C-alpha atoms as a PDB file:
ATOM      1  CA  MET A   1      -3.628 -17.065 -11.125  1.00  0.00           C
ATOM      2  CA  LYS A   2      -2.070 -15.485  -8.314  1.00  0.00           C
ATOM      3  CA  HIS A   3       1.812 -14.397  -8.658  1.00  0.00           C
ATOM      4  CA  ILE A   4       4.557 -13.270  -6.438  1.00  0.00           C
ATOM      5  CA  MET A   5       7.335 -10.901  -7.102  1.00  0.00           C
ATOM      6  CA  LYS A   6      10.313 -10.279  -4.894  1.00  0.00           C
ATOM      7  CA  LEU A   7      11.756  -6.719  -5.430  1.00  0.00           C
ATOM      8  CA  ALA A   8      14.053  -4.547  -4.078  1.00  0.00           C
ATOM      9  CA  ALA A   9      12.130  -1.234  -5.459  1.00  0.00           C
ATOM     10  CA  VAL A  10      10.631   0.241  -8.141  1.00  0.00           C
ATOM     11  CA  ALA A  11      11.631   2.891 -10.215  1.00  0.00           C
ATOM     12  CA  LEU A  12       9.117   5.215 -12.050  1.00  0.00           C
ATOM     13  CA  ALA A  13       9.105   6.745 -15.159  1.00  0.00           C
ATOM     14  CA  ALA A  14      10.116  10.503 -14.612  1.00  0.00           C
ATOM     15  CA  GLY A  15       7.499  13.113 -15.548  1.00  0.00           C
ATOM     16  CA  SER A  16       5.272  15.213 -14.141  1.00  0.00           C
ATOM     17  CA  ILE A  17       2.130  13.882 -11.697  1.00  0.00           C
ATOM     18  CA  ALA A  18       0.167  12.674 -14.958  1.00  0.00           C
ATOM     19  CA  HIS A  19       3.189  10.379 -15.529  1.00  0.00           C
ATOM     20  CA  ALA A  20       3.624   8.738 -11.767  1.00  0.00           C
ATOM     21  CA  ALA A  21       6.169  10.850 -10.392  1.00  0.00           C
ATOM     22  CA  PRO A  22       6.550  10.591  -6.416  1.00  0.00           C
ATOM     23  CA  VAL A  23       4.990  13.521  -4.823  1.00  0.00           C
ATOM     24  CA  ASN A  24       5.368  14.730  -0.703  1.00  0.00           C
ATOM     25  CA  LEU A  25       2.470  13.718   1.104  1.00  0.00           C
ATOM     26  CA  GLY A  26       2.282  16.892   2.875  1.00  0.00           C
ATOM     27  CA  ASP A  27       2.024  19.021   0.038  1.00  0.00           C
ATOM     28  CA  LEU A  28      -0.852  17.086  -1.711  1.00  0.00           C
ATOM     29  CA  ILE A  29      -2.771  16.927   1.614  1.00  0.00           C
ATOM     30  CA  THR A  30      -2.349  20.789   1.999  1.00  0.00           C
ATOM     31  CA  SER A  31      -2.826  21.397  -1.383  1.00  0.00           C
ATOM     32  CA  GLY A  32      -5.939  19.082  -1.424  1.00  0.00           C
ATOM     33  CA  GLY A  33      -4.609  17.544  -4.640  1.00  0.00           C
ATOM     34  CA  SER A  34      -4.745  14.719  -6.385  1.00  0.00           C
ATOM     35  CA  LEU A  35      -2.756  12.207  -9.033  1.00  0.00           C
ATOM     36  CA  THR A  36      -4.207  11.314 -12.070  1.00  0.00           C
ATOM     37  CA  LEU A  37      -2.447   8.492 -14.270  1.00  0.00           C
ATOM     38  CA  GLY A  38      -4.204   6.447 -16.900  1.00  0.00           C
ATOM     39  CA  ASP A  39      -8.468   6.294 -16.252  1.00  0.00           C
ATOM     40  CA  LYS A  40      -7.266   6.729 -12.605  1.00  0.00           C
ATOM     41  CA  ILE A  41      -7.603   9.159 -10.186  1.00  0.00           C
ATOM     42  CA  PHE A  42      -6.325   9.318  -6.720  1.00  0.00           C
ATOM     43  CA  ALA A  43      -7.628  12.081  -4.602  1.00  0.00           C
ATOM     44  CA  ASP A  44      -8.680  12.568  -0.843  1.00  0.00           C
ATOM     45  CA  PHE A  45      -5.300  12.098   1.267  1.00  0.00           C
ATOM     46  CA  HIS A  46      -5.358  11.912   4.841  1.00  0.00           C
ATOM     47  CA  PHE A  47      -2.513  10.945   7.168  1.00  0.00           C
ATOM     48  CA  GLY A  48      -2.933  11.079  10.926  1.00  0.00           C
ATOM     49  CA  SER A  49      -0.282   9.914  13.148  1.00  0.00           C
ATOM     50  CA  ALA A  50       1.527  10.994  16.835  1.00  0.00           C
ATOM     51  CA  GLY A  51       4.409  10.071  15.507  1.00  0.00           C
ATOM     52  CA  PHE A  52       5.259  10.514  12.136  1.00  0.00           C
ATOM     53  CA  SER A  53       4.881  13.172   9.893  1.00  0.00           C
ATOM     54  CA  PRO A  54       3.340  12.966   5.995  1.00  0.00           C
ATOM     55  CA  ASN A  55       5.905  15.794   4.841  1.00  0.00           C
ATOM     56  CA  ASP A  56       8.281  12.819   5.627  1.00  0.00           C
ATOM     57  CA  ALA A  57       6.462  10.495   3.055  1.00  0.00           C
ATOM     58  CA  THR A  58       5.928  10.530  -1.062  1.00  0.00           C
ATOM     59  CA  VAL A  59       3.301   8.775  -2.684  1.00  0.00           C
ATOM     60  CA  ASN A  60       3.627   7.954  -6.133  1.00  0.00           C
ATOM     61  CA  VAL A  61       1.427   5.878  -9.299  1.00  0.00           C
ATOM     62  CA  HIS A  62       2.085   3.971 -11.817  1.00  0.00           C
ATOM     63  CA  SER A  63       1.071   0.927 -13.668  1.00  0.00           C
ATOM     64  CA  ASP A  64       2.536  -2.105 -15.378  1.00  0.00           C
ATOM     65  CA  ALA A  65       1.505  -3.275 -19.406  1.00  0.00           C
ATOM     66  CA  ALA A  66      -0.850  -5.625 -18.004  1.00  0.00           C
ATOM     67  CA  GLY A  67      -3.024  -2.699 -17.120  1.00  0.00           C
ATOM     68  CA  THR A  68      -2.442  -3.003 -13.122  1.00  0.00           C
ATOM     69  CA  TYR A  69      -2.508   0.047 -11.447  1.00  0.00           C
ATOM     70  CA  PHE A  70       0.016   0.845  -8.412  1.00  0.00           C
ATOM     71  CA  LEU A  71      -0.117   3.457  -5.547  1.00  0.00           C
ATOM     72  CA  THR A  72       2.804   3.752  -2.712  1.00  0.00           C
ATOM     73  CA  LEU A  73       3.511   5.085   0.251  1.00  0.00           C
ATOM     74  CA  GLN A  74       7.154   5.445   1.593  1.00  0.00           C
ATOM     75  CA  GLY A  75       8.398   7.051   4.660  1.00  0.00           C
ATOM     76  CA  PRO A  76      10.590   6.023   7.290  1.00  0.00           C
ATOM     77  CA  PHE A  77       8.231   4.434   9.482  1.00  0.00           C
ATOM     78  CA  VAL A  78      10.282   2.227  11.746  1.00  0.00           C
ATOM     79  CA  SER A  79       9.456   1.690  15.579  1.00  0.00           C
ATOM     80  CA  GLN A  80      12.790   0.891  17.746  1.00  0.00           C
ATOM     81  CA  GLY A  81      10.507   0.088  20.650  1.00  0.00           C
ATOM     82  CA  ALA A  82       7.917   2.475  21.438  1.00  0.00           C
ATOM     83  CA  PRO A  83       4.836   1.750  19.837  1.00  0.00           C
ATOM     84  CA  ALA A  84       3.717   3.348  16.710  1.00  0.00           C
ATOM     85  CA  ASP A  85       0.420   3.669  14.892  1.00  0.00           C
ATOM     86  CA  ILE A  86      -0.585   5.577  11.106  1.00  0.00           C
ATOM     87  CA  ASN A  87      -4.481   6.537   9.552  1.00  0.00           C
ATOM     88  CA  PHE A  88      -4.066   6.636   5.644  1.00  0.00           C
ATOM     89  CA  ASN A  89      -6.697   7.567   3.891  1.00  0.00           C
ATOM     90  CA  TYR A  90      -7.299   7.951   0.099  1.00  0.00           C
ATOM     91  CA  THR A  91      -9.855   7.504  -2.948  1.00  0.00           C
ATOM     92  CA  VAL A  92      -9.545   6.279  -6.166  1.00  0.00           C
ATOM     93  CA  ALA A  93     -11.948   6.349  -9.220  1.00  0.00           C
ATOM     94  CA  THR A  94     -12.019   5.754 -12.849  1.00  0.00           C
ATOM     95  CA  THR A  95     -11.687   9.147 -14.898  1.00  0.00           C
ATOM     96  CA  SER A  96     -15.036   7.709 -17.306  1.00  0.00           C
ATOM     97  CA  GLY A  97     -17.318   7.122 -14.292  1.00  0.00           C
ATOM     98  CA  ARG A  98     -17.368   3.338 -15.093  1.00  0.00           C
ATOM     99  CA  PRO A  99     -17.510   0.665 -12.726  1.00  0.00           C
ATOM    100  CA  LEU A 100     -14.375  -1.248 -13.475  1.00  0.00           C
ATOM    101  CA  ILE A 101     -12.502  -1.160 -10.188  1.00  0.00           C
ATOM    102  CA  VAL A 102     -13.056  -5.298  -8.817  1.00  0.00           C
ATOM    103  CA  ALA A 103     -10.176  -5.673  -6.407  1.00  0.00           C
ATOM    104  CA  ILE A 104      -7.422  -3.888  -4.315  1.00  0.00           C
ATOM    105  CA  ASP A 105      -4.460  -5.625  -3.212  1.00  0.00           C
ATOM    106  CA  GLN A 106      -2.484  -4.145  -0.206  1.00  0.00           C
ATOM    107  CA  ALA A 107       1.269  -5.289   0.930  1.00  0.00           C
ATOM    108  CA  TYR A 108       4.150  -3.677   2.675  1.00  0.00           C
ATOM    109  CA  VAL A 109       7.603  -3.516   2.530  1.00  0.00           C
ATOM    110  CA  LEU A 110       8.956  -5.457   5.926  1.00  0.00           C
ATOM    111  CA  SER A 111      11.860  -3.561   7.472  1.00  0.00           C
ATOM    112  CA  ALA A 112      13.259  -5.242  10.511  1.00  0.00           C
ATOM    113  CA  GLY A 113      16.153  -6.177  12.511  1.00  0.00           C
ATOM    114  CA  GLY A 114      17.439  -7.666  15.881  1.00  0.00           C
ATOM    115  CA  THR A 115      14.999  -8.941  17.292  1.00  0.00           C
ATOM    116  CA  GLY A 116      12.029  -7.706  15.005  1.00  0.00           C
ATOM    117  CA  GLY A 117       8.569  -6.922  16.615  1.00  0.00           C
ATOM    118  CA  THR A 118       5.093  -6.579  15.041  1.00  0.00           C
ATOM    119  CA  ILE A 119       3.220  -4.850  12.349  1.00  0.00           C
ATOM    120  CA  LEU A 120      -0.915  -5.303  11.843  1.00  0.00           C
ATOM    121  CA  ILE A 121      -2.245  -3.343   8.928  1.00  0.00           C
ATOM    122  CA  GLY A 122      -6.388  -3.195   8.632  1.00  0.00           C
ATOM    123  CA  GLU A 123      -7.832  -2.085   5.610  1.00  0.00           C
ATOM    124  CA  THR A 124     -11.391  -1.084   4.888  1.00  0.00           C
ATOM    125  CA  VAL A 125     -12.958  -0.275   1.582  1.00  0.00           C
ATOM    126  CA  ARG A 126     -15.831   1.690   1.600  1.00  0.00           C
ATOM    127  CA  SER A 127     -18.806   2.950  -0.968  1.00  0.00           C
ATOM    128  CA  VAL A 128     -19.917   6.691  -1.373  1.00  0.00           C
ATOM    129  CA  ALA A 129     -17.651   8.202   1.770  1.00  0.00           C
ATOM    130  CA  PHE A 130     -15.130   7.312   4.189  1.00  0.00           C
ATOM    131  CA  ASN A 131     -17.813   6.378   6.618  1.00  0.00           C
ATOM    132  CA  GLY A 132     -19.733   4.663   4.217  1.00  0.00           C
ATOM    133  CA  GLN A 133     -20.924   0.694   3.641  1.00  0.00           C
ATOM    134  CA  THR A 134     -18.204  -1.580   3.745  1.00  0.00           C
ATOM    135  CA  ILE A 135     -17.598  -3.013   0.536  1.00  0.00           C
ATOM    136  CA  ALA A 136     -13.747  -4.984   1.789  1.00  0.00           C
ATOM    137  CA  GLN A 137     -11.848  -5.515   4.443  1.00  0.00           C
ATOM    138  CA  SER A 138      -8.605  -7.121   4.945  1.00  0.00           C
ATOM    139  CA  SER A 139      -5.859  -7.271   7.421  1.00  0.00           C
ATOM    140  CA  LEU A 140      -2.165  -8.444   7.603  1.00  0.00           C
ATOM    141  CA  SER A 141      -0.177  -9.198  10.631  1.00  0.00           C
ATOM    142  CA  HIS A 142       3.914  -9.917  10.692  1.00  0.00           C
ATOM    143  CA  TYR A 143       5.401 -10.905  14.558  1.00  0.00           C
ATOM    144  CA  SER A 144       8.980 -11.516  14.406  1.00  0.00           C
ATOM    145  CA  GLY A 145      10.945 -13.278  17.407  1.00  0.00           C
ATOM    146  CA  ASP A 146      13.677 -15.533  18.797  1.00  0.00           C
ATOM    147  CA  ALA A 147      14.629 -19.094  17.654  1.00  0.00           C
ATOM    148  CA  ASN A 148      12.083 -20.065  19.778  1.00  0.00           C
ATOM    149  CA  ASN A 149       9.235 -17.328  18.378  1.00  0.00           C
ATOM    150  CA  PRO A 150       9.224 -17.937  14.689  1.00  0.00           C
ATOM    151  CA  ALA A 151       8.041 -15.398  12.380  1.00  0.00           C
ATOM    152  CA  ILE A 152       4.250 -15.606  11.746  1.00  0.00           C
ATOM    153  CA  THR A 153       2.357 -13.145   9.093  1.00  0.00           C
ATOM    154  CA  ASP A 154      -0.937 -12.594   7.697  1.00  0.00           C
ATOM    155  CA  THR A 155      -2.712 -14.575  10.459  1.00  0.00           C
ATOM    156  CA  GLU A 156      -5.530 -11.960  10.426  1.00  0.00           C
ATOM    157  CA  ASP A 157      -7.579 -13.199   7.765  1.00  0.00           C
ATOM    158  CA  PRO A 158      -9.736 -16.768   7.683  1.00  0.00           C
ATOM    159  CA  ASP A 159      -7.107 -17.572   4.767  1.00  0.00           C
ATOM    160  CA  ALA A 160      -4.271 -16.517   5.956  1.00  0.00           C
ATOM    161  CA  GLU A 161      -1.064 -16.256   3.770  1.00  0.00           C
ATOM    162  CA  PRO A 162       2.748 -16.206   4.651  1.00  0.00           C
ATOM    163  CA  LEU A 163       3.548 -13.421   2.965  1.00  0.00           C
ATOM    164  CA  THR A 164       3.332  -9.704   3.112  1.00  0.00           C
ATOM    165  CA  GLY A 165       0.450  -9.170   0.911  1.00  0.00           C
ATOM    166  CA  ASP A 166      -3.373  -9.364   0.447  1.00  0.00           C
ATOM    167  CA  GLN A 167      -5.993  -9.378  -1.580  1.00  0.00           C
ATOM    168  CA  LEU A 168     -10.094  -7.271  -1.401  1.00  0.00           C
ATOM    169  CA  VAL A 169     -12.185  -8.249  -3.640  1.00  0.00           C
ATOM    170  CA  ILE A 170     -15.000  -5.578  -4.598  1.00  0.00           C
ATOM    171  CA  ASN A 171     -17.815  -7.707  -5.962  1.00  0.00           C
ATOM    172  CA  PRO A 172     -19.815  -5.505  -8.035  1.00  0.00           C
ATOM    173  CA  GLY A 173     -16.953  -3.326  -9.466  1.00  0.00           C
ATOM    174  CA  VAL A 174     -17.466   0.613  -8.614  1.00  0.00           C
ATOM    175  CA  ALA A 175     -16.468   3.239 -10.726  1.00  0.00           C
ATOM    176  CA  LYS A 176     -14.774   4.945  -7.097  1.00  0.00           C
ATOM    177  CA  ALA A 177     -13.648   3.473  -3.729  1.00  0.00           C
ATOM    178  CA  TRP A 178     -13.086   5.283  -0.260  1.00  0.00           C
ATOM    179  CA  VAL A 179      -9.901   3.716   1.060  1.00  0.00           C
ATOM    180  CA  THR A 180      -9.169   3.347   4.851  1.00  0.00           C
ATOM    181  CA  LYS A 181      -5.830   2.154   6.567  1.00  0.00           C
ATOM    182  CA  ASP A 182      -4.695   1.550   9.945  1.00  0.00           C
ATOM    183  CA  ILE A 183      -1.768   0.472  10.591  1.00  0.00           C
ATOM    184  CA  PHE A 184       0.445  -0.612  13.911  1.00  0.00           C
ATOM    185  CA  PHE A 185       3.609  -1.146  14.532  1.00  0.00           C
ATOM    186  CA  MET A 186       5.929  -2.022  17.529  1.00  0.00           C
ATOM    187  CA  ALA A 187       9.645  -3.393  17.823  1.00  0.00           C
ATOM    188  CA  ASN A 188      10.446  -5.807  20.417  1.00  0.00           C
ATOM    189  CA  ARG A 189      13.378  -5.246  23.005  1.00  0.00           C
ATOM    190  CA  GLY A 190      16.422  -5.190  21.047  1.00  0.00           C
ATOM    191  CA  GLY A 191      14.729  -4.536  17.580  1.00  0.00           C
ATOM    192  CA  LEU A 192      13.189  -2.656  14.924  1.00  0.00           C
ATOM    193  CA  VAL A 193      10.964  -3.081  12.818  1.00  0.00           C
ATOM    194  CA  GLY A 194       8.340  -1.114  10.379  1.00  0.00           C
ATOM    195  CA  PRO A 195       6.628  -0.965   6.639  1.00  0.00           C
ATOM    196  CA  THR A 196       8.316   1.624   4.911  1.00  0.00           C
ATOM    197  CA  THR A 197       6.831   1.375   1.932  1.00  0.00           C
ATOM    198  CA  ILE A 198       3.067   0.854   0.970  1.00  0.00           C
ATOM    199  CA  ILE A 199       1.771  -0.884  -1.579  1.00  0.00           C
ATOM    200  CA  GLN A 200      -1.750  -0.625  -3.527  1.00  0.00           C
ATOM    201  CA  SER A 201      -2.815  -2.869  -6.323  1.00  0.00           C
ATOM    202  CA  PHE A 202      -5.512  -1.921  -8.565  1.00  0.00           C
ATOM    203  CA  HIS A 203      -7.135  -4.568 -11.268  1.00  0.00           C
ATOM    204  CA  GLN A 204      -9.892  -3.702 -13.203  1.00  0.00           C
ATOM    205  CA  THR A 205     -11.990  -5.193 -15.950  1.00  0.00           C
ATOM    206  CA  PRO A 206     -11.958  -4.566 -19.181  1.00  0.00           C
ATOM    207  CA  ALA A 207      -7.784  -3.735 -18.848  1.00  0.00           C
ATOM    208  CA  PRO A 208      -7.635   0.449 -19.391  1.00  0.00           C
ATOM    209  CA  GLU A 209      -6.569   1.652 -22.693  1.00  0.00           C
ATOM    210  CA  ASN A 210      -3.984   4.430 -21.248  1.00  0.00           C
ATOM    211  CA  GLY A 211      -1.960   1.840 -19.120  1.00  0.00           C
ATOM    212  CA  VAL A 212       1.749   3.092 -19.033  1.00  0.00           C
ATOM    213  CA  THR A 213       4.625   0.706 -18.959  1.00  0.00           C
ATOM    214  CA  VAL A 214       7.030   0.743 -16.810  1.00  0.00           C
ATOM    215  CA  VAL A 215      10.316   0.059 -15.674  1.00  0.00           C
ATOM    216  CA  LEU A 216      11.283  -2.301 -12.624  1.00  0.00           C
ATOM    217  CA  LEU A 217      14.677  -1.637 -11.506  1.00  0.00           C
ATOM    218  CA  GLY A 218      16.371  -3.774  -8.292  1.00  0.00           C
ATOM    219  CA  LEU A 219      17.612  -1.444  -5.926  1.00  0.00           C
ATOM    220  CA  THR A 220      19.691  -1.990  -2.216  1.00  0.00           C
ATOM    221  CA  LEU A 221      17.098  -1.104   0.166  1.00  0.00           C
ATOM    222  CA  SER A 222      19.049   1.209   2.637  1.00  0.00           C
ATOM    223  CA  GLY A 223      19.081  -0.709   5.814  1.00  0.00           C
ATOM    224  CA  LEU A 224      17.012  -3.800   6.264  1.00  0.00           C
ATOM    225  CA  GLY A 225      13.809  -5.014   4.770  1.00  0.00           C
ATOM    226  CA  LEU A 226      12.807  -7.190   1.701  1.00  0.00           C
ATOM    227  CA  MET A 227       9.912  -6.336   0.092  1.00  0.00           C
ATOM    228  CA  ARG A 228       7.271  -8.895  -1.314  1.00  0.00           C
ATOM    229  CA  ARG A 229       4.495  -7.607  -3.829  1.00  0.00           C
ATOM    230  CA  ARG A 230       1.409 -10.349  -4.264  1.00  0.00           C
ATOM    231  CA  PHE A 231      -0.668  -9.254  -7.117  1.00  0.00           C
ATOM    232  CA  ASN A 232      -3.236 -11.062  -9.880  1.00  0.00           C
ATOM    233  CA  ALA A 233      -2.699 -11.719 -13.075  1.00  0.00           C
END
């Protein structure tokens, strides 16, 4: 069954990297570091952008009681006129080496104001390497306009959904996936727009044994925006 949750923000339990503490993305890339939680390890981080620095972004991971894992990228990713582009890559693997990963959902926080703008996010999941065989692919889109040009979301897929979320099914399941995200956004004249939080959720079967329960707290987003997260239960 598919569920939709509207959240203002997610507050993670305090602790070390293994306990889902936010980590500076620039530091992760420079050190070649990884994030491990339960039976998941996230590594091989890459960030490319002409307008934004990975040093201004954070990455964190957490899981819920149902055994769904989440990776969240947050940063000041907002356009007020000039087009912006971000390339974000990472790998996700099971620590056991078992092929348990069967789906990855992508979603984002839509921050917009004034006349809004356009967001396009493409995600590709591959095997073996970042340039390996494609095993899942998805795209999201959002256009925000005036009363004569209402908002349109997720028009890129065969099955369009009116939300800022989408699912990539991986069949058969894999022990490791190479994920590439290409993100483009541009504000309309007199507007601002951006995906200030990028959310990934990871589903597997059977459920992991070492999942961590997280407290979800409603916080006020600074400025504008709406977070909608879609996941499977």
